[in-house]
Amino acid sequence: MYRVEVPSLPPSLNKFYAGMHYRKRKEYADEWHGLFLGAFREAGIPRPLPYPITLDVTQFSCPERDCDNSVISAKFALDALVGGGWLPDDSPEYVRCVVLHSARCDTKRKNKTVILIL
């Protein structure tokens, strides 16, 4: 198992697709791909990963977001795993399951995204 933490949250899924201009969506996607690439490198995740993997995503936020908003973090994380050479692609052969969680942030009210690669 590998654990990666990014001390931030991407925009909510509702905000991302509710009329946001495609260039702004591209900016967010590029930013988050880079954040996850850096976090995966820093965590020393080996290339290539043994597969298939399960990707477990938890967004810690205040106020707590709906669980399905974590799907955008999963999308960006998988794109980074493929783009960074950890996985050949994100098809079912390589990614068995994606699990989404939502949780209230800690007492310091710090938002974060936690990725577990199982």
PDB file of N, CA and C in Angstrom:
ATOM      1  N   MET A   1       0.840  -1.184   0.000  1.00  0.00           N
ATOM      2  CA  MET A   1       0.000   0.000   0.000  1.00  0.00           C
ATOM      3  C   MET A   1       0.886   1.249   0.000  1.00  0.00           C
ATOM      4  N   TYR A   2       0.458   2.249  -0.743  1.00  0.00           N
ATOM      5  CA  TYR A   2       1.141   3.535  -0.785  1.00  0.00           C
ATOM      6  C   TYR A   2       0.142   4.607  -0.386  1.00  0.00           C
ATOM      7  N   ARG A   3       0.611   5.576   0.403  1.00  0.00           N
ATOM      8  CA  ARG A   3      -0.243   6.675   0.868  1.00  0.00           C
ATOM      9  C   ARG A   3       0.353   7.994   0.405  1.00  0.00           C
ATOM     10  N   VAL A   4      -0.496   8.837  -0.178  1.00  0.00           N
ATOM     11  CA  VAL A   4      -0.081  10.146  -0.670  1.00  0.00           C
ATOM     12  C   VAL A   4      -1.075  11.171  -0.157  1.00  0.00           C
ATOM     13  N   GLU A   5      -0.560  12.291   0.316  1.00  0.00           N
ATOM     14  CA  GLU A   5      -1.428  13.356   0.822  1.00  0.00           C
ATOM     15  C   GLU A   5      -1.099  14.670   0.125  1.00  0.00           C
ATOM     16  N   VAL A   6      -2.138  15.345  -0.328  1.00  0.00           N
ATOM     17  CA  VAL A   6      -1.998  16.675  -0.929  1.00  0.00           C
ATOM     18  C   VAL A   6      -2.780  17.630  -0.020  1.00  0.00           C
ATOM     19  N   PRO A   7      -2.136  18.680   0.482  1.00  0.00           N
ATOM     20  CA  PRO A   7      -2.786  19.560   1.459  1.00  0.00           C
ATOM     21  C   PRO A   7      -3.753  20.570   0.839  1.00  0.00           C
ATOM     22  N   SER A   8      -4.653  20.075   0.025  1.00  0.00           N
ATOM     23  CA  SER A   8      -5.604  20.944  -0.661  1.00  0.00           C
ATOM     24  C   SER A   8      -6.706  20.081  -1.258  1.00  0.00           C
ATOM     25  N   LEU A   9      -7.703  20.735  -1.828  1.00  0.00           N
ATOM     26  CA  LEU A   9      -8.793  20.045  -2.515  1.00  0.00           C
ATOM     27  C   LEU A   9      -8.971  20.635  -3.896  1.00  0.00           C
ATOM     28  N   PRO A  10      -9.276  19.796  -4.878  1.00  0.00           N
ATOM     29  CA  PRO A  10      -9.645  20.346  -6.177  1.00  0.00           C
ATOM     30  C   PRO A  10     -11.032  20.977  -6.066  1.00  0.00           C
ATOM     31  N   PRO A  11     -11.471  21.671  -7.092  1.00  0.00           N
ATOM     32  CA  PRO A  11     -12.831  22.222  -7.040  1.00  0.00           C
ATOM     33  C   PRO A  11     -13.844  21.083  -6.923  1.00  0.00           C
ATOM     34  N   SER A  12     -15.002  21.391  -6.388  1.00  0.00           N
ATOM     35  CA  SER A  12     -16.034  20.357  -6.308  1.00  0.00           C
ATOM     36  C   SER A  12     -16.448  19.954  -7.721  1.00  0.00           C
ATOM     37  N   LEU A  13     -16.943  18.751  -7.839  1.00  0.00           N
ATOM     38  CA  LEU A  13     -17.399  18.268  -9.131  1.00  0.00           C
ATOM     39  C   LEU A  13     -18.505  19.164  -9.675  1.00  0.00           C
ATOM     40  N   ASN A  14     -19.391  19.615  -8.797  1.00  0.00           N
ATOM     41  CA  ASN A  14     -20.473  20.503  -9.218  1.00  0.00           C
ATOM     42  C   ASN A  14     -19.913  21.782  -9.837  1.00  0.00           C
ATOM     43  N   LYS A  15     -18.943  22.385  -9.175  1.00  0.00           N
ATOM     44  CA  LYS A  15     -18.344  23.624  -9.680  1.00  0.00           C
ATOM     45  C   LYS A  15     -17.588  23.369 -10.989  1.00  0.00           C
ATOM     46  N   PHE A  16     -16.884  22.238 -11.040  1.00  0.00           N
ATOM     47  CA  PHE A  16     -16.048  21.928 -12.195  1.00  0.00           C
ATOM     48  C   PHE A  16     -16.861  21.817 -13.475  1.00  0.00           C
ATOM     49  N   TYR A  17     -18.041  21.218 -13.404  1.00  0.00           N
ATOM     50  CA  TYR A  17     -18.841  20.994 -14.607  1.00  0.00           C
ATOM     51  C   TYR A  17     -20.044  21.905 -14.745  1.00  0.00           C
ATOM     52  N   ALA A  18     -20.319  22.752 -13.782  1.00  0.00           N
ATOM     53  CA  ALA A  18     -21.503  23.612 -13.838  1.00  0.00           C
ATOM     54  C   ALA A  18     -21.174  24.938 -14.516  1.00  0.00           C
ATOM     55  N   GLY A  19     -20.925  24.878 -15.787  1.00  0.00           N
ATOM     56  CA  GLY A  19     -20.723  26.099 -16.546  1.00  0.00           C
ATOM     57  C   GLY A  19     -19.314  26.666 -16.502  1.00  0.00           C
ATOM     58  N   MET A  20     -18.360  25.962 -15.894  1.00  0.00           N
ATOM     59  CA  MET A  20     -16.988  26.455 -15.870  1.00  0.00           C
ATOM     60  C   MET A  20     -16.416  26.381 -17.287  1.00  0.00           C
ATOM     61  N   HIS A  21     -15.773  27.430 -17.704  1.00  0.00           N
ATOM     62  CA  HIS A  21     -15.181  27.490 -19.035  1.00  0.00           C
ATOM     63  C   HIS A  21     -14.129  26.387 -19.185  1.00  0.00           C
ATOM     64  N   TYR A  22     -14.057  25.814 -20.380  1.00  0.00           N
ATOM     65  CA  TYR A  22     -13.153  24.683 -20.595  1.00  0.00           C
ATOM     66  C   TYR A  22     -11.693  25.044 -20.321  1.00  0.00           C
ATOM     67  N   ARG A  23     -11.296  26.289 -20.570  1.00  0.00           N
ATOM     68  CA  ARG A  23      -9.905  26.683 -20.284  1.00  0.00           C
ATOM     69  C   ARG A  23      -9.625  26.668 -18.788  1.00  0.00           C
ATOM     70  N   LYS A  24     -10.605  27.083 -18.004  1.00  0.00           N
ATOM     71  CA  LYS A  24     -10.447  27.058 -16.545  1.00  0.00           C
ATOM     72  C   LYS A  24     -10.393  25.607 -16.059  1.00  0.00           C
ATOM     73  N   ARG A  25     -11.242  24.731 -16.642  1.00  0.00           N
ATOM     74  CA  ARG A  25     -11.189  23.313 -16.283  1.00  0.00           C
ATOM     75  C   ARG A  25      -9.816  22.734 -16.621  1.00  0.00           C
ATOM     76  N   LYS A  26      -9.265  23.131 -17.764  1.00  0.00           N
ATOM     77  CA  LYS A  26      -7.934  22.659 -18.172  1.00  0.00           C
ATOM     78  C   LYS A  26      -6.858  23.146 -17.194  1.00  0.00           C
ATOM     79  N   GLU A  27      -6.971  24.399 -16.742  1.00  0.00           N
ATOM     80  CA  GLU A  27      -6.017  24.921 -15.757  1.00  0.00           C
ATOM     81  C   GLU A  27      -6.060  24.099 -14.467  1.00  0.00           C
ATOM     82  N   TYR A  28      -7.264  23.822 -13.975  1.00  0.00           N
ATOM     83  CA  TYR A  28      -7.398  23.000 -12.770  1.00  0.00           C
ATOM     84  C   TYR A  28      -6.823  21.606 -13.001  1.00  0.00           C
ATOM     85  N   ALA A  29      -7.157  20.999 -14.134  1.00  0.00           N
ATOM     86  CA  ALA A  29      -6.661  19.656 -14.415  1.00  0.00           C
ATOM     87  C   ALA A  29      -5.130  19.645 -14.468  1.00  0.00           C
ATOM     88  N   ASP A  30      -4.532  20.588 -15.157  1.00  0.00           N
ATOM     89  CA  ASP A  30      -3.070  20.659 -15.236  1.00  0.00           C
ATOM     90  C   ASP A  30      -2.458  20.855 -13.852  1.00  0.00           C
ATOM     91  N   GLU A  31      -3.040  21.749 -13.066  1.00  0.00           N
ATOM     92  CA  GLU A  31      -2.536  22.000 -11.710  1.00  0.00           C
ATOM     93  C   GLU A  31      -2.576  20.730 -10.869  1.00  0.00           C
ATOM     94  N   TRP A  32      -3.702  20.038 -10.892  1.00  0.00           N
ATOM     95  CA  TRP A  32      -3.856  18.850 -10.045  1.00  0.00           C
ATOM     96  C   TRP A  32      -3.066  17.655 -10.560  1.00  0.00           C
ATOM     97  N   HIS A  33      -2.912  17.533 -11.854  1.00  0.00           N
ATOM     98  CA  HIS A  33      -2.034  16.479 -12.365  1.00  0.00           C
ATOM     99  C   HIS A  33      -0.623  16.717 -11.823  1.00  0.00           C
ATOM    100  N   GLY A  34      -0.171  17.956 -11.852  1.00  0.00           N
ATOM    101  CA  GLY A  34       1.158  18.289 -11.334  1.00  0.00           C
ATOM    102  C   GLY A  34       1.285  18.047  -9.843  1.00  0.00           C
ATOM    103  N   LEU A  35       0.255  18.411  -9.076  1.00  0.00           N
ATOM    104  CA  LEU A  35       0.294  18.176  -7.625  1.00  0.00           C
ATOM    105  C   LEU A  35       0.405  16.690  -7.316  1.00  0.00           C
ATOM    106  N   PHE A  36      -0.392  15.875  -8.006  1.00  0.00           N
ATOM    107  CA  PHE A  36      -0.332  14.431  -7.768  1.00  0.00           C
ATOM    108  C   PHE A  36       0.975  13.830  -8.274  1.00  0.00           C
ATOM    109  N   LEU A  37       1.468  14.275  -9.432  1.00  0.00           N
ATOM    110  CA  LEU A  37       2.762  13.786  -9.923  1.00  0.00           C
ATOM    111  C   LEU A  37       3.858  14.027  -8.890  1.00  0.00           C
ATOM    112  N   GLY A  38       3.903  15.240  -8.364  1.00  0.00           N
ATOM    113  CA  GLY A  38       4.902  15.569  -7.352  1.00  0.00           C
ATOM    114  C   GLY A  38       4.746  14.736  -6.094  1.00  0.00           C
ATOM    115  N   ALA A  39       3.507  14.550  -5.655  1.00  0.00           N
ATOM    116  CA  ALA A  39       3.263  13.761  -4.441  1.00  0.00           C
ATOM    117  C   ALA A  39       3.637  12.299  -4.645  1.00  0.00           C
ATOM    118  N   PHE A  40       3.337  11.738  -5.824  1.00  0.00           N
ATOM    119  CA  PHE A  40       3.697  10.345  -6.099  1.00  0.00           C
ATOM    120  C   PHE A  40       5.211  10.176  -6.151  1.00  0.00           C
ATOM    121  N   ARG A  41       5.895  11.127  -6.762  1.00  0.00           N
ATOM    122  CA  ARG A  41       7.366  11.069  -6.810  1.00  0.00           C
ATOM    123  C   ARG A  41       7.944  11.164  -5.408  1.00  0.00           C
ATOM    124  N   GLU A  42       7.445  12.129  -4.636  1.00  0.00           N
ATOM    125  CA  GLU A  42       7.941  12.337  -3.271  1.00  0.00           C
ATOM    126  C   GLU A  42       7.708  11.106  -2.394  1.00  0.00           C
ATOM    127  N   ALA A  43       6.608  10.399  -2.628  1.00  0.00           N
ATOM    128  CA  ALA A  43       6.307   9.197  -1.854  1.00  0.00           C
ATOM    129  C   ALA A  43       7.162   8.007  -2.277  1.00  0.00           C
ATOM    130  N   GLY A  44       7.903   8.150  -3.371  1.00  0.00           N
ATOM    131  CA  GLY A  44       8.775   7.072  -3.832  1.00  0.00           C
ATOM    132  C   GLY A  44       8.023   5.879  -4.405  1.00  0.00           C
ATOM    133  N   ILE A  45       6.890   6.134  -5.008  1.00  0.00           N
ATOM    134  CA  ILE A  45       6.107   5.048  -5.587  1.00  0.00           C
ATOM    135  C   ILE A  45       6.872   4.473  -6.779  1.00  0.00           C
ATOM    136  N   PRO A  46       7.063   3.142  -6.791  1.00  0.00           N
ATOM    137  CA  PRO A  46       7.872   2.531  -7.860  1.00  0.00           C
ATOM    138  C   PRO A  46       7.148   2.542  -9.199  1.00  0.00           C
ATOM    139  N   ARG A  47       7.959   2.623 -10.258  1.00  0.00           N
ATOM    140  CA  ARG A  47       7.442   2.555 -11.628  1.00  0.00           C
ATOM    141  C   ARG A  47       7.959   1.286 -12.279  1.00  0.00           C
ATOM    142  N   PRO A  48       7.123   0.560 -12.954  1.00  0.00           N
ATOM    143  CA  PRO A  48       5.673   0.657 -12.950  1.00  0.00           C
ATOM    144  C   PRO A  48       5.101   0.037 -11.679  1.00  0.00           C
ATOM    145  N   LEU A  49       3.872   0.400 -11.366  1.00  0.00           N
ATOM    146  CA  LEU A  49       3.180  -0.204 -10.232  1.00  0.00           C
ATOM    147  C   LEU A  49       2.739  -1.618 -10.585  1.00  0.00           C
ATOM    148  N   PRO A  50       2.791  -2.518  -9.607  1.00  0.00           N
ATOM    149  CA  PRO A  50       2.171  -3.814  -9.856  1.00  0.00           C
ATOM    150  C   PRO A  50       0.659  -3.610  -9.959  1.00  0.00           C
ATOM    151  N   TYR A  51       0.047  -4.266 -10.884  1.00  0.00           N
ATOM    152  CA  TYR A  51      -1.381  -4.045 -11.096  1.00  0.00           C
ATOM    153  C   TYR A  51      -2.102  -5.383 -11.112  1.00  0.00           C
ATOM    154  N   PRO A  52      -3.429  -5.344 -10.982  1.00  0.00           N
ATOM    155  CA  PRO A  52      -4.317  -4.188 -10.922  1.00  0.00           C
ATOM    156  C   PRO A  52      -4.271  -3.529  -9.544  1.00  0.00           C
ATOM    157  N   ILE A  53      -4.592  -2.239  -9.517  1.00  0.00           N
ATOM    158  CA  ILE A  53      -4.614  -1.490  -8.260  1.00  0.00           C
ATOM    159  C   ILE A  53      -6.067  -1.161  -7.895  1.00  0.00           C
ATOM    160  N   THR A  54      -6.237  -0.830  -6.637  1.00  0.00           N
ATOM    161  CA  THR A  54      -7.450  -0.178  -6.154  1.00  0.00           C
ATOM    162  C   THR A  54      -7.017   1.199  -5.716  1.00  0.00           C
ATOM    163  N   LEU A  55      -7.734   2.214  -6.155  1.00  0.00           N
ATOM    164  CA  LEU A  55      -7.438   3.590  -5.765  1.00  0.00           C
ATOM    165  C   LEU A  55      -8.482   4.013  -4.741  1.00  0.00           C
ATOM    166  N   ASP A  56      -8.021   4.392  -3.566  1.00  0.00           N
ATOM    167  CA  ASP A  56      -8.898   4.813  -2.472  1.00  0.00           C
ATOM    168  C   ASP A  56      -8.661   6.304  -2.242  1.00  0.00           C
ATOM    169  N   VAL A  57      -9.706   7.104  -2.374  1.00  0.00           N
ATOM    170  CA  VAL A  57      -9.589   8.560  -2.312  1.00  0.00           C
ATOM    171  C   VAL A  57     -10.463   9.093  -1.185  1.00  0.00           C
ATOM    172  N   THR A  58      -9.856   9.908  -0.314  1.00  0.00           N
ATOM    173  CA  THR A  58     -10.622  10.583   0.736  1.00  0.00           C
ATOM    174  C   THR A  58     -10.354  12.072   0.659  1.00  0.00           C
ATOM    175  N   GLN A  59     -11.425  12.845   0.594  1.00  0.00           N
ATOM    176  CA  GLN A  59     -11.315  14.295   0.669  1.00  0.00           C
ATOM    177  C   GLN A  59     -11.748  14.713   2.071  1.00  0.00           C
ATOM    178  N   PHE A  60     -10.840  15.371   2.791  1.00  0.00           N
ATOM    179  CA  PHE A  60     -11.131  15.912   4.109  1.00  0.00           C
ATOM    180  C   PHE A  60     -11.435  17.392   3.926  1.00  0.00           C
ATOM    181  N   SER A  61     -12.642  17.808   4.288  1.00  0.00           N
ATOM    182  CA  SER A  61     -13.029  19.198   4.068  1.00  0.00           C
ATOM    183  C   SER A  61     -13.929  19.709   5.181  1.00  0.00           C
ATOM    184  N   CYS A  62     -13.930  21.009   5.336  1.00  0.00           N
ATOM    185  CA  CYS A  62     -14.825  21.710   6.258  1.00  0.00           C
ATOM    186  C   CYS A  62     -15.487  22.837   5.474  1.00  0.00           C
ATOM    187  N   PRO A  63     -16.778  22.800   5.262  1.00  0.00           N
ATOM    188  CA  PRO A  63     -17.693  21.727   5.657  1.00  0.00           C
ATOM    189  C   PRO A  63     -17.457  20.496   4.790  1.00  0.00           C
ATOM    190  N   GLU A  64     -17.909  19.356   5.277  1.00  0.00           N
ATOM    191  CA  GLU A  64     -17.718  18.090   4.586  1.00  0.00           C
ATOM    192  C   GLU A  64     -18.461  18.088   3.246  1.00  0.00           C
ATOM    193  N   ARG A  65     -17.757  17.682   2.200  1.00  0.00           N
ATOM    194  CA  ARG A  65     -18.356  17.586   0.868  1.00  0.00           C
ATOM    195  C   ARG A  65     -19.090  16.264   0.719  1.00  0.00           C
ATOM    196  N   ASP A  66     -19.988  16.212  -0.258  1.00  0.00           N
ATOM    197  CA  ASP A  66     -20.620  14.942  -0.601  1.00  0.00           C
ATOM    198  C   ASP A  66     -19.551  13.983  -1.108  1.00  0.00           C
ATOM    199  N   CYS A  67     -19.744  12.717  -0.843  1.00  0.00           N
ATOM    200  CA  CYS A  67     -18.770  11.692  -1.215  1.00  0.00           C
ATOM    201  C   CYS A  67     -18.464  11.690  -2.711  1.00  0.00           C
ATOM    202  N   ASP A  68     -19.488  11.883  -3.539  1.00  0.00           N
ATOM    203  CA  ASP A  68     -19.257  11.800  -4.980  1.00  0.00           C
ATOM    204  C   ASP A  68     -18.374  12.925  -5.515  1.00  0.00           C
ATOM    205  N   ASN A  69     -18.152  13.987  -4.732  1.00  0.00           N
ATOM    206  CA  ASN A  69     -17.234  15.035  -5.156  1.00  0.00           C
ATOM    207  C   ASN A  69     -15.782  14.552  -5.184  1.00  0.00           C
ATOM    208  N   SER A  70     -15.499  13.432  -4.517  1.00  0.00           N
ATOM    209  CA  SER A  70     -14.140  12.882  -4.520  1.00  0.00           C
ATOM    210  C   SER A  70     -13.759  12.283  -5.867  1.00  0.00           C
ATOM    211  N   VAL A  71     -14.731  12.096  -6.742  1.00  0.00           N
ATOM    212  CA  VAL A  71     -14.436  11.481  -8.035  1.00  0.00           C
ATOM    213  C   VAL A  71     -13.465  12.340  -8.853  1.00  0.00           C
ATOM    214  N   ILE A  72     -13.507  13.642  -8.687  1.00  0.00           N
ATOM    215  CA  ILE A  72     -12.590  14.500  -9.452  1.00  0.00           C
ATOM    216  C   ILE A  72     -11.145  14.295  -8.994  1.00  0.00           C
ATOM    217  N   SER A  73     -10.953  14.068  -7.684  1.00  0.00           N
ATOM    218  CA  SER A  73      -9.610  13.753  -7.187  1.00  0.00           C
ATOM    219  C   SER A  73      -9.132  12.421  -7.750  1.00  0.00           C
ATOM    220  N   ALA A  74     -10.036  11.443  -7.815  1.00  0.00           N
ATOM    221  CA  ALA A  74      -9.674  10.137  -8.372  1.00  0.00           C
ATOM    222  C   ALA A  74      -9.275  10.277  -9.833  1.00  0.00           C
ATOM    223  N   LYS A  75     -10.038  11.041 -10.588  1.00  0.00           N
ATOM    224  CA  LYS A  75      -9.738  11.251 -12.012  1.00  0.00           C
ATOM    225  C   LYS A  75      -8.361  11.881 -12.193  1.00  0.00           C
ATOM    226  N   PHE A  76      -8.094  12.955 -11.450  1.00  0.00           N
ATOM    227  CA  PHE A  76      -6.797  13.627 -11.568  1.00  0.00           C
ATOM    228  C   PHE A  76      -5.650  12.718 -11.119  1.00  0.00           C
ATOM    229  N   ALA A  77      -5.859  11.939 -10.047  1.00  0.00           N
ATOM    230  CA  ALA A  77      -4.813  11.042  -9.559  1.00  0.00           C
ATOM    231  C   ALA A  77      -4.514   9.949 -10.580  1.00  0.00           C
ATOM    232  N   LEU A  78      -5.560   9.354 -11.151  1.00  0.00           N
ATOM    233  CA  LEU A  78      -5.328   8.309 -12.160  1.00  0.00           C
ATOM    234  C   LEU A  78      -4.661   8.870 -13.402  1.00  0.00           C
ATOM    235  N   ASP A  79      -5.072  10.058 -13.833  1.00  0.00           N
ATOM    236  CA  ASP A  79      -4.402  10.690 -14.976  1.00  0.00           C
ATOM    237  C   ASP A  79      -2.911  10.883 -14.697  1.00  0.00           C
ATOM    238  N   ALA A  80      -2.581  11.279 -13.468  1.00  0.00           N
ATOM    239  CA  ALA A  80      -1.175  11.483 -13.101  1.00  0.00           C
ATOM    240  C   ALA A  80      -0.424  10.155 -13.053  1.00  0.00           C
ATOM    241  N   LEU A  81      -1.060   9.098 -12.546  1.00  0.00           N
ATOM    242  CA  LEU A  81      -0.406   7.789 -12.508  1.00  0.00           C
ATOM    243  C   LEU A  81      -0.097   7.286 -13.918  1.00  0.00           C
ATOM    244  N   VAL A  82      -1.012   7.516 -14.839  1.00  0.00           N
ATOM    245  CA  VAL A  82      -0.785   7.105 -16.233  1.00  0.00           C
ATOM    246  C   VAL A  82       0.246   8.034 -16.883  1.00  0.00           C
ATOM    247  N   GLY A  83       0.042   9.338 -16.754  1.00  0.00           N
ATOM    248  CA  GLY A  83       0.950  10.302 -17.377  1.00  0.00           C
ATOM    249  C   GLY A  83       2.373  10.222 -16.858  1.00  0.00           C
ATOM    250  N   GLY A  84       2.527   9.833 -15.587  1.00  0.00           N
ATOM    251  CA  GLY A  84       3.853   9.734 -14.980  1.00  0.00           C
ATOM    252  C   GLY A  84       4.515   8.379 -15.166  1.00  0.00           C
ATOM    253  N   GLY A  85       3.842   7.453 -15.841  1.00  0.00           N
ATOM    254  CA  GLY A  85       4.450   6.162 -16.136  1.00  0.00           C
ATOM    255  C   GLY A  85       4.284   5.099 -15.061  1.00  0.00           C
ATOM    256  N   TRP A  86       3.437   5.329 -14.065  1.00  0.00           N
ATOM    257  CA  TRP A  86       3.212   4.318 -13.039  1.00  0.00           C
ATOM    258  C   TRP A  86       2.274   3.218 -13.536  1.00  0.00           C
ATOM    259  N   LEU A  87       1.340   3.583 -14.414  1.00  0.00           N
ATOM    260  CA  LEU A  87       0.408   2.621 -15.008  1.00  0.00           C
ATOM    261  C   LEU A  87       0.351   2.852 -16.521  1.00  0.00           C
ATOM    262  N   PRO A  88       0.172   1.780 -17.315  1.00  0.00           N
ATOM    263  CA  PRO A  88       0.050   1.963 -18.773  1.00  0.00           C
ATOM    264  C   PRO A  88      -1.205   2.738 -19.165  1.00  0.00           C
ATOM    265  N   ASP A  89      -2.309   2.470 -18.488  1.00  0.00           N
ATOM    266  CA  ASP A  89      -3.539   3.243 -18.681  1.00  0.00           C
ATOM    267  C   ASP A  89      -4.465   2.967 -17.500  1.00  0.00           C
ATOM    268  N   ASP A  90      -5.643   3.556 -17.525  1.00  0.00           N
ATOM    269  CA  ASP A  90      -6.540   3.400 -16.379  1.00  0.00           C
ATOM    270  C   ASP A  90      -7.733   2.490 -16.685  1.00  0.00           C
ATOM    271  N   SER A  91      -7.530   1.568 -17.612  1.00  0.00           N
ATOM    272  CA  SER A  91      -8.571   0.605 -17.965  1.00  0.00           C
ATOM    273  C   SER A  91      -8.734  -0.410 -16.821  1.00  0.00           C
ATOM    274  N   PRO A  92      -9.812  -1.209 -16.845  1.00  0.00           N
ATOM    275  CA  PRO A  92     -10.042  -2.198 -15.787  1.00  0.00           C
ATOM    276  C   PRO A  92      -8.910  -3.212 -15.619  1.00  0.00           C
ATOM    277  N   GLU A  93      -8.115  -3.417 -16.650  1.00  0.00           N
ATOM    278  CA  GLU A  93      -6.965  -4.321 -16.514  1.00  0.00           C
ATOM    279  C   GLU A  93      -5.968  -3.792 -15.480  1.00  0.00           C
ATOM    280  N   TYR A  94      -5.864  -2.484 -15.351  1.00  0.00           N
ATOM    281  CA  TYR A  94      -4.873  -1.868 -14.477  1.00  0.00           C
ATOM    282  C   TYR A  94      -5.472  -1.259 -13.207  1.00  0.00           C
ATOM    283  N   VAL A  95      -6.729  -0.836 -13.280  1.00  0.00           N
ATOM    284  CA  VAL A  95      -7.402  -0.235 -12.121  1.00  0.00           C
ATOM    285  C   VAL A  95      -8.660  -1.052 -11.853  1.00  0.00           C
ATOM    286  N   ARG A  96      -8.604  -1.844 -10.808  1.00  0.00           N
ATOM    287  CA  ARG A  96      -9.699  -2.749 -10.484  1.00  0.00           C
ATOM    288  C   ARG A  96     -10.888  -2.021  -9.894  1.00  0.00           C
ATOM    289  N   CYS A  97     -10.603  -1.015  -9.055  1.00  0.00           N
ATOM    290  CA  CYS A  97     -11.676  -0.395  -8.300  1.00  0.00           C
ATOM    291  C   CYS A  97     -11.245   0.999  -7.847  1.00  0.00           C
ATOM    292  N   VAL A  98     -12.197   1.905  -7.777  1.00  0.00           N
ATOM    293  CA  VAL A  98     -11.974   3.234  -7.207  1.00  0.00           C
ATOM    294  C   VAL A  98     -12.966   3.392  -6.060  1.00  0.00           C
ATOM    295  N   VAL A  99     -12.446   3.712  -4.885  1.00  0.00           N
ATOM    296  CA  VAL A  99     -13.273   3.868  -3.692  1.00  0.00           C
ATOM    297  C   VAL A  99     -13.224   5.336  -3.278  1.00  0.00           C
ATOM    298  N   LEU A 100     -14.389   5.919  -3.042  1.00  0.00           N
ATOM    299  CA  LEU A 100     -14.483   7.345  -2.710  1.00  0.00           C
ATOM    300  C   LEU A 100     -14.980   7.529  -1.281  1.00  0.00           C
ATOM    301  N   HIS A 101     -14.339   8.464  -0.579  1.00  0.00           N
ATOM    302  CA  HIS A 101     -14.737   8.793   0.786  1.00  0.00           C
ATOM    303  C   HIS A 101     -14.793  10.308   0.944  1.00  0.00           C
ATOM    304  N   SER A 102     -15.587  10.723   1.894  1.00  0.00           N
ATOM    305  CA  SER A 102     -15.624  12.120   2.299  1.00  0.00           C
ATOM    306  C   SER A 102     -15.569  12.145   3.814  1.00  0.00           C
ATOM    307  N   ALA A 103     -14.785  13.059   4.368  1.00  0.00           N
ATOM    308  CA  ALA A 103     -14.649  13.142   5.814  1.00  0.00           C
ATOM    309  C   ALA A 103     -14.496  14.600   6.226  1.00  0.00           C
ATOM    310  N   ARG A 104     -14.852  14.869   7.471  1.00  0.00           N
ATOM    311  CA  ARG A 104     -14.678  16.217   8.012  1.00  0.00           C
ATOM    312  C   ARG A 104     -13.199  16.431   8.287  1.00  0.00           C
ATOM    313  N   CYS A 105     -12.696  17.622   7.973  1.00  0.00           N
ATOM    314  CA  CYS A 105     -11.281  17.922   8.215  1.00  0.00           C
ATOM    315  C   CYS A 105     -11.002  17.948   9.715  1.00  0.00           C
ATOM    316  N   ASP A 106      -9.727  17.919  10.051  1.00  0.00           N
ATOM    317  CA  ASP A 106      -9.340  17.870  11.463  1.00  0.00           C
ATOM    318  C   ASP A 106      -9.649  19.187  12.178  1.00  0.00           C
ATOM    319  N   THR A 107      -9.316  19.247  13.432  1.00  0.00           N
ATOM    320  CA  THR A 107      -9.635  20.417  14.248  1.00  0.00           C
ATOM    321  C   THR A 107      -8.940  21.685  13.774  1.00  0.00           C
ATOM    322  N   LYS A 108      -7.880  21.552  12.999  1.00  0.00           N
ATOM    323  CA  LYS A 108      -7.189  22.731  12.465  1.00  0.00           C
ATOM    324  C   LYS A 108      -7.864  23.249  11.203  1.00  0.00           C
ATOM    325  N   ARG A 109      -8.946  22.564  10.791  1.00  0.00           N
ATOM    326  CA  ARG A 109      -9.740  22.964   9.633  1.00  0.00           C
ATOM    327  C   ARG A 109      -8.899  23.012   8.355  1.00  0.00           C
ATOM    328  N   LYS A 110      -8.010  22.052   8.219  1.00  0.00           N
ATOM    329  CA  LYS A 110      -7.147  21.988   7.039  1.00  0.00           C
ATOM    330  C   LYS A 110      -7.708  20.977   6.045  1.00  0.00           C
ATOM    331  N   ASN A 111      -8.069  21.476   4.875  1.00  0.00           N
ATOM    332  CA  ASN A 111      -8.540  20.597   3.806  1.00  0.00           C
ATOM    333  C   ASN A 111      -7.370  19.794   3.260  1.00  0.00           C
ATOM    334  N   LYS A 112      -7.644  18.549   2.849  1.00  0.00           N
ATOM    335  CA  LYS A 112      -6.596  17.736   2.234  1.00  0.00           C
ATOM    336  C   LYS A 112      -7.237  16.611   1.444  1.00  0.00           C
ATOM    337  N   THR A 113      -6.448  16.063   0.526  1.00  0.00           N
ATOM    338  CA  THR A 113      -6.841  14.923  -0.271  1.00  0.00           C
ATOM    339  C   THR A 113      -5.848  13.807   0.020  1.00  0.00           C
ATOM    340  N   VAL A 114      -6.355  12.633   0.398  1.00  0.00           N
ATOM    341  CA  VAL A 114      -5.507  11.491   0.703  1.00  0.00           C
ATOM    342  C   VAL A 114      -5.798  10.382  -0.292  1.00  0.00           C
ATOM    343  N   ILE A 115      -4.748   9.895  -0.924  1.00  0.00           N
ATOM    344  CA  ILE A 115      -4.841   8.823  -1.913  1.00  0.00           C
ATOM    345  C   ILE A 115      -4.135   7.601  -1.352  1.00  0.00           C
ATOM    346  N   LEU A 116      -4.821   6.470  -1.358  1.00  0.00           N
ATOM    347  CA  LEU A 116      -4.200   5.180  -1.041  1.00  0.00           C
ATOM    348  C   LEU A 116      -4.191   4.350  -2.310  1.00  0.00           C
ATOM    349  N   ILE A 117      -3.049   3.788  -2.625  1.00  0.00           N
ATOM    350  CA  ILE A 117      -2.933   2.886  -3.767  1.00  0.00           C
ATOM    351  C   ILE A 117      -2.760   1.487  -3.184  1.00  0.00           C
ATOM    352  N   LEU A 118      -3.744   0.667  -3.426  1.00  0.00           N
ATOM    353  CA  LEU A 118      -3.757  -0.691  -2.842  1.00  0.00           C
ATOM    354  C   LEU A 118      -3.589  -1.727  -3.941  1.00  0.00           C
TER     355      LEU A 118
END
